[in-house]
Each structure stands twice: as structure tokens, then as C-alpha cells.
Amino acid sequence: MQDEILVVTTNDLPGYVVEESYGEVFGLIVRSRNMFSNFGASFRTIFGGEVKGYTKLLADSREHALARMREAAKAKGANAILAMRFDSGDIGQVMNEVAAYGTAVRVRKSS
């Protein structure tokens, strides 16, 4: 587990013992939607179907938020994050924010 930050949505990590807790960490990203995506999305609301541009935007945003959260945990000395969650929302009509958050901890394999 050298430099890797394990991330789980559970409150514990089977096979590991929590040695220390460093508190909440988060990663946040805010991205703007381009005018063409908004225009295409408006047609999808009329005719139905997946808005692939937004799907990719949100998937990329989640990955970016996770990377930032891992960096924050590593800076505190953690090697794992427990109880990870995502939160997202709109800012105005043109931006989307995604936050990944959880509890940074130091774990070791149980014997």
C-alpha cells in the first residue's frame, strides 16, 4: 500500500486496523458547461435520451474530485479514506460542482 490511498464508501476497511484518524478531507471541482452542450441538452429534454456530453463531464469531474481528495489525505499523512461520498450541484445555469469527501485515516493490515 506504499503511496496508494485506498478509498472506500464503508465505515471500516476489512482486513485493516485504523491506527489514526486525521479528520475530513475533500476534493472539489467546478466546471462550466459550454454553450453547445447546453444547446444539445435542451434538444435531449424534448426528445429524450442520454446527454453524453454531460455524462462525460460529470464522470471526469468525479475522477478529478477523487484525485484532489486523495492528495488532501496524503498531505495529512493518511493512507486511506473511509466513508467516501460524492455531492454535486449546479451553480447558476452554466456550472456544475462535484465534491468528494470522506475521513482520512492511517491503516495497517491486521494480523
PDB file of N, CA and C in Angstrom:
ATOM      1  N   MET A   1       0.814  -1.210   0.000  1.00  0.00           N
ATOM      2  CA  MET A   1       0.000   0.000   0.000  1.00  0.00           C
ATOM      3  C   MET A   1       0.849   1.262   0.000  1.00  0.00           C
ATOM      4  N   GLN A   2       2.039   1.229  -0.309  1.00  0.00           N
ATOM      5  CA  GLN A   2       3.003   2.317  -0.222  1.00  0.00           C
ATOM      6  C   GLN A   2       2.389   3.702  -0.369  1.00  0.00           C
ATOM      7  N   ASP A   3       2.333   4.245  -1.558  1.00  0.00           N
ATOM      8  CA  ASP A   3       1.839   5.613  -1.754  1.00  0.00           C
ATOM      9  C   ASP A   3       0.365   5.656  -2.146  1.00  0.00           C
ATOM     10  N   GLU A   4      -0.235   4.497  -2.333  1.00  0.00           N
ATOM     11  CA  GLU A   4      -1.633   4.445  -2.759  1.00  0.00           C
ATOM     12  C   GLU A   4      -2.559   4.832  -1.610  1.00  0.00           C
ATOM     13  N   ILE A   5      -3.563   5.626  -1.927  1.00  0.00           N
ATOM     14  CA  ILE A   5      -4.587   5.987  -0.947  1.00  0.00           C
ATOM     15  C   ILE A   5      -5.814   5.133  -1.258  1.00  0.00           C
ATOM     16  N   LEU A   6      -6.130   4.203  -0.381  1.00  0.00           N
ATOM     17  CA  LEU A   6      -7.329   3.387  -0.550  1.00  0.00           C
ATOM     18  C   LEU A   6      -8.554   4.242  -0.250  1.00  0.00           C
ATOM     19  N   VAL A   7      -9.588   4.085  -1.052  1.00  0.00           N
ATOM     20  CA  VAL A   7     -10.825   4.842  -0.846  1.00  0.00           C
ATOM     21  C   VAL A   7     -11.979   3.849  -0.820  1.00  0.00           C
ATOM     22  N   VAL A   8     -12.754   3.888   0.269  1.00  0.00           N
ATOM     23  CA  VAL A   8     -13.922   3.016   0.388  1.00  0.00           C
ATOM     24  C   VAL A   8     -15.128   3.825   0.857  1.00  0.00           C
ATOM     25  N   THR A   9     -16.300   3.343   0.526  1.00  0.00           N
ATOM     26  CA  THR A   9     -17.531   4.011   0.962  1.00  0.00           C
ATOM     27  C   THR A   9     -18.030   3.474   2.293  1.00  0.00           C
ATOM     28  N   THR A  10     -17.376   2.449   2.800  1.00  0.00           N
ATOM     29  CA  THR A  10     -17.770   1.850   4.077  1.00  0.00           C
ATOM     30  C   THR A  10     -17.102   2.578   5.239  1.00  0.00           C
ATOM     31  N   ASN A  11     -17.586   2.313   6.450  1.00  0.00           N
ATOM     32  CA  ASN A  11     -17.035   2.960   7.640  1.00  0.00           C
ATOM     33  C   ASN A  11     -15.801   2.257   8.181  1.00  0.00           C
ATOM     34  N   ASP A  12     -15.511   1.080   7.662  1.00  0.00           N
ATOM     35  CA  ASP A  12     -14.302   0.371   8.051  1.00  0.00           C
ATOM     36  C   ASP A  12     -13.719  -0.292   6.817  1.00  0.00           C
ATOM     37  N   LEU A  13     -12.541  -0.862   6.968  1.00  0.00           N
ATOM     38  CA  LEU A  13     -11.838  -1.492   5.865  1.00  0.00           C
ATOM     39  C   LEU A  13     -11.467  -2.902   6.291  1.00  0.00           C
ATOM     40  N   PRO A  14     -12.245  -3.895   5.867  1.00  0.00           N
ATOM     41  CA  PRO A  14     -11.987  -5.271   6.292  1.00  0.00           C
ATOM     42  C   PRO A  14     -10.539  -5.681   6.019  1.00  0.00           C
ATOM     43  N   GLY A  15      -9.932  -6.312   7.035  1.00  0.00           N
ATOM     44  CA  GLY A  15      -8.550  -6.747   6.913  1.00  0.00           C
ATOM     45  C   GLY A  15      -7.542  -5.700   7.347  1.00  0.00           C
ATOM     46  N   TYR A  16      -8.041  -4.527   7.779  1.00  0.00           N
ATOM     47  CA  TYR A  16      -7.164  -3.435   8.209  1.00  0.00           C
ATOM     48  C   TYR A  16      -7.612  -2.910   9.559  1.00  0.00           C
ATOM     49  N   VAL A  17      -6.671  -2.332  10.288  1.00  0.00           N
ATOM     50  CA  VAL A  17      -6.938  -1.696  11.561  1.00  0.00           C
ATOM     51  C   VAL A  17      -6.645  -0.207  11.401  1.00  0.00           C
ATOM     52  N   VAL A  18      -7.561   0.632  11.857  1.00  0.00           N
ATOM     53  CA  VAL A  18      -7.336   2.078  11.811  1.00  0.00           C
ATOM     54  C   VAL A  18      -6.411   2.447  12.968  1.00  0.00           C
ATOM     55  N   GLU A  19      -5.270   3.015  12.633  1.00  0.00           N
ATOM     56  CA  GLU A  19      -4.301   3.430  13.650  1.00  0.00           C
ATOM     57  C   GLU A  19      -4.486   4.885  14.062  1.00  0.00           C
ATOM     58  N   GLU A  20      -4.895   5.713  13.107  1.00  0.00           N
ATOM     59  CA  GLU A  20      -5.056   7.130  13.402  1.00  0.00           C
ATOM     60  C   GLU A  20      -6.070   7.742  12.438  1.00  0.00           C
ATOM     61  N   SER A  21      -6.827   8.707  12.944  1.00  0.00           N
ATOM     62  CA  SER A  21      -7.795   9.429  12.118  1.00  0.00           C
ATOM     63  C   SER A  21      -7.346  10.879  11.998  1.00  0.00           C
ATOM     64  N   TYR A  22      -7.396  11.400  10.778  1.00  0.00           N
ATOM     65  CA  TYR A  22      -6.945  12.773  10.525  1.00  0.00           C
ATOM     66  C   TYR A  22      -8.106  13.724  10.231  1.00  0.00           C
ATOM     67  N   GLY A  23      -9.311  13.226  10.258  1.00  0.00           N
ATOM     68  CA  GLY A  23     -10.475  14.079  10.019  1.00  0.00           C
ATOM     69  C   GLY A  23     -10.915  14.095   8.564  1.00  0.00           C
ATOM     70  N   GLU A  24     -11.851  14.967   8.303  1.00  0.00           N
ATOM     71  CA  GLU A  24     -12.458  15.046   6.972  1.00  0.00           C
ATOM     72  C   GLU A  24     -11.481  15.614   5.951  1.00  0.00           C
ATOM     73  N   VAL A  25     -11.540  15.039   4.760  1.00  0.00           N
ATOM     74  CA  VAL A  25     -10.820  15.579   3.606  1.00  0.00           C
ATOM     75  C   VAL A  25     -11.818  15.674   2.454  1.00  0.00           C
ATOM     76  N   PHE A  26     -11.537  16.562   1.532  1.00  0.00           N
ATOM     77  CA  PHE A  26     -12.424  16.682   0.374  1.00  0.00           C
ATOM     78  C   PHE A  26     -11.630  17.084  -0.851  1.00  0.00           C
ATOM     79  N   GLY A  27     -12.219  16.820  -1.981  1.00  0.00           N
ATOM     80  CA  GLY A  27     -11.714  17.291  -3.266  1.00  0.00           C
ATOM     81  C   GLY A  27     -12.880  17.949  -3.963  1.00  0.00           C
ATOM     82  N   LEU A  28     -12.644  19.099  -4.534  1.00  0.00           N
ATOM     83  CA  LEU A  28     -13.726  19.879  -5.137  1.00  0.00           C
ATOM     84  C   LEU A  28     -13.318  20.322  -6.527  1.00  0.00           C
ATOM     85  N   ILE A  29     -14.256  20.262  -7.448  1.00  0.00           N
ATOM     86  CA  ILE A  29     -14.025  20.797  -8.785  1.00  0.00           C
ATOM     87  C   ILE A  29     -15.302  21.479  -9.259  1.00  0.00           C
ATOM     88  N   VAL A  30     -15.131  22.606  -9.911  1.00  0.00           N
ATOM     89  CA  VAL A  30     -16.243  23.334 -10.521  1.00  0.00           C
ATOM     90  C   VAL A  30     -15.923  23.465 -11.998  1.00  0.00           C
ATOM     91  N   ARG A  31     -16.839  23.042 -12.824  1.00  0.00           N
ATOM     92  CA  ARG A  31     -16.637  23.114 -14.270  1.00  0.00           C
ATOM     93  C   ARG A  31     -17.804  23.832 -14.908  1.00  0.00           C
ATOM     94  N   SER A  32     -17.484  24.584 -15.937  1.00  0.00           N
ATOM     95  CA  SER A  32     -18.543  25.261 -16.679  1.00  0.00           C
ATOM     96  C   SER A  32     -18.978  24.383 -17.846  1.00  0.00           C
ATOM     97  N   ARG A  33     -20.208  24.518 -18.209  1.00  0.00           N
ATOM     98  CA  ARG A  33     -20.748  23.813 -19.367  1.00  0.00           C
ATOM     99  C   ARG A  33     -20.653  24.759 -20.553  1.00  0.00           C
ATOM    100  N   ASN A  34     -20.254  24.228 -21.692  1.00  0.00           N
ATOM    101  CA  ASN A  34     -20.173  25.125 -22.847  1.00  0.00           C
ATOM    102  C   ASN A  34     -21.544  25.325 -23.479  1.00  0.00           C
ATOM    103  N   MET A  35     -21.656  26.377 -24.251  1.00  0.00           N
ATOM    104  CA  MET A  35     -22.936  26.763 -24.843  1.00  0.00           C
ATOM    105  C   MET A  35     -23.490  25.663 -25.743  1.00  0.00           C
ATOM    106  N   PHE A  36     -22.614  24.964 -26.479  1.00  0.00           N
ATOM    107  CA  PHE A  36     -23.085  23.926 -27.392  1.00  0.00           C
ATOM    108  C   PHE A  36     -23.648  22.726 -26.643  1.00  0.00           C
ATOM    109  N   SER A  37     -23.040  22.389 -25.500  1.00  0.00           N
ATOM    110  CA  SER A  37     -23.576  21.299 -24.680  1.00  0.00           C
ATOM    111  C   SER A  37     -24.955  21.657 -24.148  1.00  0.00           C
ATOM    112  N   ASN A  38     -25.115  22.896 -23.690  1.00  0.00           N
ATOM    113  CA  ASN A  38     -26.419  23.337 -23.198  1.00  0.00           C
ATOM    114  C   ASN A  38     -27.463  23.284 -24.304  1.00  0.00           C
ATOM    115  N   PHE A  39     -27.078  23.691 -25.507  1.00  0.00           N
ATOM    116  CA  PHE A  39     -27.992  23.688 -26.642  1.00  0.00           C
ATOM    117  C   PHE A  39     -28.403  22.255 -26.984  1.00  0.00           C
ATOM    118  N   GLY A  40     -27.411  21.338 -27.047  1.00  0.00           N
ATOM    119  CA  GLY A  40     -27.701  19.933 -27.332  1.00  0.00           C
ATOM    120  C   GLY A  40     -28.548  19.296 -26.252  1.00  0.00           C
ATOM    121  N   ALA A  41     -28.278  19.658 -25.013  1.00  0.00           N
ATOM    122  CA  ALA A  41     -29.042  19.102 -23.898  1.00  0.00           C
ATOM    123  C   ALA A  41     -30.496  19.534 -23.943  1.00  0.00           C
ATOM    124  N   SER A  42     -30.739  20.752 -24.408  1.00  0.00           N
ATOM    125  CA  SER A  42     -32.121  21.218 -24.493  1.00  0.00           C
ATOM    126  C   SER A  42     -32.915  20.371 -25.474  1.00  0.00           C
ATOM    127  N   PHE A  43     -32.287  19.908 -26.566  1.00  0.00           N
ATOM    128  CA  PHE A  43     -32.979  19.016 -27.501  1.00  0.00           C
ATOM    129  C   PHE A  43     -33.248  17.656 -26.866  1.00  0.00           C
ATOM    130  N   ARG A  44     -32.299  17.166 -26.052  1.00  0.00           N
ATOM    131  CA  ARG A  44     -32.480  15.871 -25.388  1.00  0.00           C
ATOM    132  C   ARG A  44     -33.658  15.916 -24.416  1.00  0.00           C
ATOM    133  N   THR A  45     -33.894  17.054 -23.788  1.00  0.00           N
ATOM    134  CA  THR A  45     -35.022  17.129 -22.861  1.00  0.00           C
ATOM    135  C   THR A  45     -36.338  17.050 -23.618  1.00  0.00           C
ATOM    136  N   ILE A  46     -36.335  17.462 -24.870  1.00  0.00           N
ATOM    137  CA  ILE A  46     -37.547  17.392 -25.686  1.00  0.00           C
ATOM    138  C   ILE A  46     -37.752  15.983 -26.228  1.00  0.00           C
ATOM    139  N   PHE A  47     -36.679  15.392 -26.776  1.00  0.00           N
ATOM    140  CA  PHE A  47     -36.794  14.109 -27.461  1.00  0.00           C
ATOM    141  C   PHE A  47     -36.396  12.909 -26.607  1.00  0.00           C
ATOM    142  N   GLY A  48     -35.796  13.140 -25.467  1.00  0.00           N
ATOM    143  CA  GLY A  48     -35.369  12.049 -24.589  1.00  0.00           C
ATOM    144  C   GLY A  48     -34.010  11.503 -24.979  1.00  0.00           C
ATOM    145  N   GLY A  49     -33.427  10.707 -24.102  1.00  0.00           N
ATOM    146  CA  GLY A  49     -32.136  10.089 -24.368  1.00  0.00           C
ATOM    147  C   GLY A  49     -31.043  10.637 -23.475  1.00  0.00           C
ATOM    148  N   GLU A  50     -29.926   9.933 -23.493  1.00  0.00           N
ATOM    149  CA  GLU A  50     -28.778  10.320 -22.683  1.00  0.00           C
ATOM    150  C   GLU A  50     -28.099  11.554 -23.260  1.00  0.00           C
ATOM    151  N   VAL A  51     -27.671  12.432 -22.393  1.00  0.00           N
ATOM    152  CA  VAL A  51     -26.903  13.606 -22.799  1.00  0.00           C
ATOM    153  C   VAL A  51     -25.436  13.240 -22.555  1.00  0.00           C
ATOM    154  N   LYS A  52     -24.805  12.664 -23.579  1.00  0.00           N
ATOM    155  CA  LYS A  52     -23.464  12.092 -23.425  1.00  0.00           C
ATOM    156  C   LYS A  52     -22.428  13.126 -23.016  1.00  0.00           C
ATOM    157  N   GLY A  53     -22.558  14.347 -23.476  1.00  0.00           N
ATOM    158  CA  GLY A  53     -21.613  15.393 -23.098  1.00  0.00           C
ATOM    159  C   GLY A  53     -21.633  15.642 -21.599  1.00  0.00           C
ATOM    160  N   TYR A  54     -22.827  15.671 -21.013  1.00  0.00           N
ATOM    161  CA  TYR A  54     -22.950  15.879 -19.562  1.00  0.00           C
ATOM    162  C   TYR A  54     -22.496  14.648 -18.785  1.00  0.00           C
ATOM    163  N   THR A  55     -22.788  13.464 -19.318  1.00  0.00           N
ATOM    164  CA  THR A  55     -22.345  12.242 -18.665  1.00  0.00           C
ATOM    165  C   THR A  55     -20.828  12.224 -18.558  1.00  0.00           C
ATOM    166  N   LYS A  56     -20.151  12.547 -19.642  1.00  0.00           N
ATOM    167  CA  LYS A  56     -18.687  12.589 -19.631  1.00  0.00           C
ATOM    168  C   LYS A  56     -18.179  13.685 -18.702  1.00  0.00           C
ATOM    169  N   LEU A  57     -18.816  14.852 -18.730  1.00  0.00           N
ATOM    170  CA  LEU A  57     -18.418  15.962 -17.860  1.00  0.00           C
ATOM    171  C   LEU A  57     -18.484  15.546 -16.389  1.00  0.00           C
ATOM    172  N   LEU A  58     -19.584  14.905 -15.991  1.00  0.00           N
ATOM    173  CA  LEU A  58     -19.749  14.504 -14.594  1.00  0.00           C
ATOM    174  C   LEU A  58     -18.802  13.369 -14.212  1.00  0.00           C
ATOM    175  N   ALA A  59     -18.600  12.407 -15.106  1.00  0.00           N
ATOM    176  CA  ALA A  59     -17.667  11.313 -14.819  1.00  0.00           C
ATOM    177  C   ALA A  59     -16.250  11.855 -14.653  1.00  0.00           C
ATOM    178  N   ASP A  60     -15.830  12.730 -15.555  1.00  0.00           N
ATOM    179  CA  ASP A  60     -14.498  13.341 -15.448  1.00  0.00           C
ATOM    180  C   ASP A  60     -14.383  14.180 -14.180  1.00  0.00           C
ATOM    181  N   SER A  61     -15.441  14.893 -13.842  1.00  0.00           N
ATOM    182  CA  SER A  61     -15.425  15.731 -12.643  1.00  0.00           C
ATOM    183  C   SER A  61     -15.291  14.881 -11.386  1.00  0.00           C
ATOM    184  N   ARG A  62     -15.962  13.743 -11.331  1.00  0.00           N
ATOM    185  CA  ARG A  62     -15.853  12.848 -10.172  1.00  0.00           C
ATOM    186  C   ARG A  62     -14.428  12.326 -10.031  1.00  0.00           C
ATOM    187  N   GLU A  63     -13.825  11.929 -11.155  1.00  0.00           N
ATOM    188  CA  GLU A  63     -12.445  11.429 -11.112  1.00  0.00           C
ATOM    189  C   GLU A  63     -11.487  12.516 -10.628  1.00  0.00           C
ATOM    190  N   HIS A  64     -11.688  13.737 -11.096  1.00  0.00           N
ATOM    191  CA  HIS A  64     -10.845  14.857 -10.692  1.00  0.00           C
ATOM    192  C   HIS A  64     -11.027  15.157  -9.201  1.00  0.00           C
ATOM    193  N   ALA A  65     -12.266  15.143  -8.734  1.00  0.00           N
ATOM    194  CA  ALA A  65     -12.541  15.381  -7.313  1.00  0.00           C
ATOM    195  C   ALA A  65     -11.905  14.288  -6.447  1.00  0.00           C
ATOM    196  N   LEU A  66     -11.976  13.022  -6.891  1.00  0.00           N
ATOM    197  CA  LEU A  66     -11.339  11.925  -6.159  1.00  0.00           C
ATOM    198  C   LEU A  66      -9.829  12.131  -6.067  1.00  0.00           C
ATOM    199  N   ALA A  67      -9.207  12.530  -7.172  1.00  0.00           N
ATOM    200  CA  ALA A  67      -7.759  12.755  -7.176  1.00  0.00           C
ATOM    201  C   ALA A  67      -7.385  13.863  -6.194  1.00  0.00           C
ATOM    202  N   ARG A  68      -8.160  14.938  -6.167  1.00  0.00           N
ATOM    203  CA  ARG A  68      -7.883  16.037  -5.238  1.00  0.00           C
ATOM    204  C   ARG A  68      -8.079  15.602  -3.787  1.00  0.00           C
ATOM    205  N   MET A  69      -9.089  14.772  -3.534  1.00  0.00           N
ATOM    206  CA  MET A  69      -9.327  14.281  -2.184  1.00  0.00           C
ATOM    207  C   MET A  69      -8.169  13.390  -1.734  1.00  0.00           C
ATOM    208  N   ARG A  70      -7.690  12.524  -2.640  1.00  0.00           N
ATOM    209  CA  ARG A  70      -6.546  11.666  -2.315  1.00  0.00           C
ATOM    210  C   ARG A  70      -5.311  12.510  -1.979  1.00  0.00           C
ATOM    211  N   GLU A  71      -5.082  13.571  -2.741  1.00  0.00           N
ATOM    212  CA  GLU A  71      -3.951  14.469  -2.477  1.00  0.00           C
ATOM    213  C   GLU A  71      -4.081  15.100  -1.089  1.00  0.00           C
ATOM    214  N   ALA A  72      -5.292  15.518  -0.735  1.00  0.00           N
ATOM    215  CA  ALA A  72      -5.519  16.126   0.580  1.00  0.00           C
ATOM    216  C   ALA A  72      -5.247  15.124   1.695  1.00  0.00           C
ATOM    217  N   ALA A  73      -5.664  13.879   1.502  1.00  0.00           N
ATOM    218  CA  ALA A  73      -5.435  12.845   2.509  1.00  0.00           C
ATOM    219  C   ALA A  73      -3.945  12.544   2.651  1.00  0.00           C
ATOM    220  N   LYS A  74      -3.260  12.448   1.534  1.00  0.00           N
ATOM    221  CA  LYS A  74      -1.822  12.174   1.558  1.00  0.00           C
ATOM    222  C   LYS A  74      -1.076  13.293   2.277  1.00  0.00           C
ATOM    223  N   ALA A  75      -1.495  14.540   2.056  1.00  0.00           N
ATOM    224  CA  ALA A  75      -0.851  15.690   2.711  1.00  0.00           C
ATOM    225  C   ALA A  75      -1.003  15.625   4.225  1.00  0.00           C
ATOM    226  N   LYS A  76      -2.045  14.969   4.718  1.00  0.00           N
ATOM    227  CA  LYS A  76      -2.252  14.834   6.164  1.00  0.00           C
ATOM    228  C   LYS A  76      -1.540  13.612   6.740  1.00  0.00           C
ATOM    229  N   GLY A  77      -0.971  12.773   5.877  1.00  0.00           N
ATOM    230  CA  GLY A  77      -0.290  11.572   6.347  1.00  0.00           C
ATOM    231  C   GLY A  77      -1.137  10.321   6.298  1.00  0.00           C
ATOM    232  N   ALA A  78      -2.309  10.400   5.701  1.00  0.00           N
ATOM    233  CA  ALA A  78      -3.217   9.250   5.628  1.00  0.00           C
ATOM    234  C   ALA A  78      -2.815   8.306   4.496  1.00  0.00           C
ATOM    235  N   ASN A  79      -3.265   7.067   4.601  1.00  0.00           N
ATOM    236  CA  ASN A  79      -3.093   6.121   3.505  1.00  0.00           C
ATOM    237  C   ASN A  79      -4.420   5.491   3.089  1.00  0.00           C
ATOM    238  N   ALA A  80      -5.524   6.010   3.657  1.00  0.00           N
ATOM    239  CA  ALA A  80      -6.853   5.519   3.286  1.00  0.00           C
ATOM    240  C   ALA A  80      -7.900   6.592   3.602  1.00  0.00           C
ATOM    241  N   ILE A  81      -9.034   6.455   2.938  1.00  0.00           N
ATOM    242  CA  ILE A  81     -10.180   7.330   3.181  1.00  0.00           C
ATOM    243  C   ILE A  81     -11.396   6.445   3.377  1.00  0.00           C
ATOM    244  N   LEU A  82     -12.049   6.620   4.515  1.00  0.00           N
ATOM    245  CA  LEU A  82     -13.254   5.851   4.837  1.00  0.00           C
ATOM    246  C   LEU A  82     -14.495   6.704   4.620  1.00  0.00           C
ATOM    247  N   ALA A  83     -15.617   6.040   4.401  1.00  0.00           N
ATOM    248  CA  ALA A  83     -16.937   6.685   4.289  1.00  0.00           C
ATOM    249  C   ALA A  83     -16.967   7.761   3.208  1.00  0.00           C
ATOM    250  N   MET A  84     -16.322   7.488   2.060  1.00  0.00           N
ATOM    251  CA  MET A  84     -16.288   8.441   0.964  1.00  0.00           C
ATOM    252  C   MET A  84     -17.684   8.625   0.366  1.00  0.00           C
ATOM    253  N   ARG A  85     -18.002   9.868   0.064  1.00  0.00           N
ATOM    254  CA  ARG A  85     -19.269  10.226  -0.571  1.00  0.00           C
ATOM    255  C   ARG A  85     -19.011  11.263  -1.650  1.00  0.00           C
ATOM    256  N   PHE A  86     -19.965  11.375  -2.563  1.00  0.00           N
ATOM    257  CA  PHE A  86     -19.968  12.438  -3.561  1.00  0.00           C
ATOM    258  C   PHE A  86     -21.133  13.364  -3.280  1.00  0.00           C
ATOM    259  N   ASP A  87     -20.947  14.611  -3.620  1.00  0.00           N
ATOM    260  CA  ASP A  87     -22.022  15.591  -3.592  1.00  0.00           C
ATOM    261  C   ASP A  87     -21.861  16.425  -4.853  1.00  0.00           C
ATOM    262  N   SER A  88     -22.953  16.870  -5.419  1.00  0.00           N
ATOM    263  CA  SER A  88     -22.857  17.710  -6.617  1.00  0.00           C
ATOM    264  C   SER A  88     -24.016  18.686  -6.646  1.00  0.00           C
ATOM    265  N   GLY A  89     -23.824  19.716  -7.414  1.00  0.00           N
ATOM    266  CA  GLY A  89     -24.870  20.714  -7.554  1.00  0.00           C
ATOM    267  C   GLY A  89     -24.563  21.664  -8.692  1.00  0.00           C
ATOM    268  N   ASP A  90     -25.513  22.487  -8.984  1.00  0.00           N
ATOM    269  CA  ASP A  90     -25.371  23.484 -10.037  1.00  0.00           C
ATOM    270  C   ASP A  90     -25.081  24.834  -9.428  1.00  0.00           C
ATOM    271  N   ILE A  91     -24.295  25.597 -10.157  1.00  0.00           N
ATOM    272  CA  ILE A  91     -24.043  26.986  -9.791  1.00  0.00           C
ATOM    273  C   ILE A  91     -24.568  27.806 -10.955  1.00  0.00           C
ATOM    274  N   GLY A  92     -25.652  28.501 -10.711  1.00  0.00           N
ATOM    275  CA  GLY A  92     -26.309  29.195 -11.820  1.00  0.00           C
ATOM    276  C   GLY A  92     -26.824  28.174 -12.814  1.00  0.00           C
ATOM    277  N   GLN A  93     -26.841  28.530 -14.045  1.00  0.00           N
ATOM    278  CA  GLN A  93     -27.293  27.616 -15.102  1.00  0.00           C
ATOM    279  C   GLN A  93     -26.133  27.081 -15.926  1.00  0.00           C
ATOM    280  N   VAL A  94     -24.902  27.483 -15.608  1.00  0.00           N
ATOM    281  CA  VAL A  94     -23.795  27.163 -16.503  1.00  0.00           C
ATOM    282  C   VAL A  94     -22.646  26.400 -15.853  1.00  0.00           C
ATOM    283  N   MET A  95     -22.689  26.177 -14.551  1.00  0.00           N
ATOM    284  CA  MET A  95     -21.593  25.479 -13.889  1.00  0.00           C
ATOM    285  C   MET A  95     -22.113  24.335 -13.041  1.00  0.00           C
ATOM    286  N   ASN A  96     -21.252  23.339 -12.881  1.00  0.00           N
ATOM    287  CA  ASN A  96     -21.563  22.187 -12.052  1.00  0.00           C
ATOM    288  C   ASN A  96     -20.400  21.976 -11.098  1.00  0.00           C
ATOM    289  N   GLU A  97     -20.709  21.698  -9.833  1.00  0.00           N
ATOM    290  CA  GLU A  97     -19.649  21.409  -8.874  1.00  0.00           C
ATOM    291  C   GLU A  97     -19.813  19.981  -8.377  1.00  0.00           C
ATOM    292  N   VAL A  98     -18.672  19.331  -8.189  1.00  0.00           N
ATOM    293  CA  VAL A  98     -18.648  17.974  -7.650  1.00  0.00           C
ATOM    294  C   VAL A  98     -17.654  17.957  -6.500  1.00  0.00           C
ATOM    295  N   ALA A  99     -18.083  17.425  -5.373  1.00  0.00           N
ATOM    296  CA  ALA A  99     -17.214  17.278  -4.213  1.00  0.00           C
ATOM    297  C   ALA A  99     -17.154  15.799  -3.842  1.00  0.00           C
ATOM    298  N   ALA A 100     -15.948  15.330  -3.566  1.00  0.00           N
ATOM    299  CA  ALA A 100     -15.741  14.003  -2.994  1.00  0.00           C
ATOM    300  C   ALA A 100     -15.222  14.254  -1.586  1.00  0.00           C
ATOM    301  N   TYR A 101     -15.787  13.549  -0.598  1.00  0.00           N
ATOM    302  CA  TYR A 101     -15.330  13.772   0.776  1.00  0.00           C
ATOM    303  C   TYR A 101     -15.401  12.487   1.576  1.00  0.00           C
ATOM    304  N   GLY A 102     -14.593  12.437   2.620  1.00  0.00           N
ATOM    305  CA  GLY A 102     -14.551  11.273   3.488  1.00  0.00           C
ATOM    306  C   GLY A 102     -13.634  11.541   4.666  1.00  0.00           C
ATOM    307  N   THR A 103     -13.332  10.493   5.416  1.00  0.00           N
ATOM    308  CA  THR A 103     -12.478  10.602   6.590  1.00  0.00           C
ATOM    309  C   THR A 103     -11.104  10.018   6.278  1.00  0.00           C
ATOM    310  N   ALA A 104     -10.079  10.852   6.409  1.00  0.00           N
ATOM    311  CA  ALA A 104      -8.704  10.419   6.166  1.00  0.00           C
ATOM    312  C   ALA A 104      -8.188   9.660   7.383  1.00  0.00           C
ATOM    313  N   VAL A 105      -7.614   8.489   7.145  1.00  0.00           N
ATOM    314  CA  VAL A 105      -7.093   7.651   8.226  1.00  0.00           C
ATOM    315  C   VAL A 105      -5.774   7.011   7.817  1.00  0.00           C
ATOM    316  N   ARG A 106      -5.036   6.550   8.818  1.00  0.00           N
ATOM    317  CA  ARG A 106      -3.870   5.703   8.578  1.00  0.00           C
ATOM    318  C   ARG A 106      -4.280   4.308   9.025  1.00  0.00           C
ATOM    319  N   VAL A 107      -4.128   3.348   8.115  1.00  0.00           N
ATOM    320  CA  VAL A 107      -4.483   1.956   8.423  1.00  0.00           C
ATOM    321  C   VAL A 107      -3.254   1.056   8.257  1.00  0.00           C
ATOM    322  N   ARG A 108      -3.360  -0.093   8.884  1.00  0.00           N
ATOM    323  CA  ARG A 108      -2.350  -1.141   8.684  1.00  0.00           C
ATOM    324  C   ARG A 108      -3.096  -2.465   8.561  1.00  0.00           C
ATOM    325  N   LYS A 109      -2.475  -3.395   7.848  1.00  0.00           N
ATOM    326  CA  LYS A 109      -3.096  -4.718   7.709  1.00  0.00           C
ATOM    327  C   LYS A 109      -3.185  -5.377   9.083  1.00  0.00           C
ATOM    328  N   SER A 110      -4.331  -5.995   9.348  1.00  0.00           N
ATOM    329  CA  SER A 110      -4.486  -6.701  10.627  1.00  0.00           C
ATOM    330  C   SER A 110      -3.745  -8.042  10.532  1.00  0.00           C
ATOM    331  N   SER A 111      -3.276  -8.504  11.689  1.00  0.00           N
ATOM    332  CA  SER A 111      -2.522  -9.759  11.676  1.00  0.00           C
ATOM    333  C   SER A 111      -3.363 -10.947  12.018  1.00  0.00           C
TER     334      SER A 111
END
